[in-house]
Amino acid sequence: MAEKIPITPEGKQDLENELKTLLSQHQPEALQNLSNALEDGDLRENGDYTASIEALLKVAKRIDEIKICLSNAQVIDPKLIQSDKIVFGATVILEEEDGKKVQYQLVGADEFNVKNGKISIHSPLARALIGRSAGDEVVVEAPKGRMTYSILEIFYQ
């Protein structure tokens, strides 16, 4: 049996929407492009054919990835969590060494987006934060070097 993958309700909805778009728009478009390329004749010297095959395979691969993720998803609604410790779904406000404040939500691997303040539960920072409380400091070995963060606030939304 496959391991369950934690995901927020929002992350699950985003994947379902992406899957719907892939199946209703991108896959038919890729198939139509392939059909058009096949009509052009000699496939050995047909760059459109090669590009169409690659595009179709890319869409099919992403469809499979999403289906696997959704079939193994364990939806965890952060709004229902009541904890003073950091667990999956927590939103944390951290202070970096230079005094800069940052906010992140710990989410599933398939829904992270650092620009939107969502970090994967498997990231070095998230792993360092799990089980910690407000007022704690964490040290993280990051690609850009050792970083120290102070946990200012934890909430679930």
Foldseek 3Di string as FASTA:
>chain_A
DDAAFEFAPVLLVVLVVVLVCLVPPQLVVLVVQCVVQVVVDDPVPRPSNVVSVVSNVVSVVSNVVSVVNNVRYDYDALVPDDDQADDAQKWWWKAWPVRDIAIAHEGTPSRADVVVRYDHCPDQVNVQRGGDGQQDKGWGQDPVGIIIIHTHGIGHD
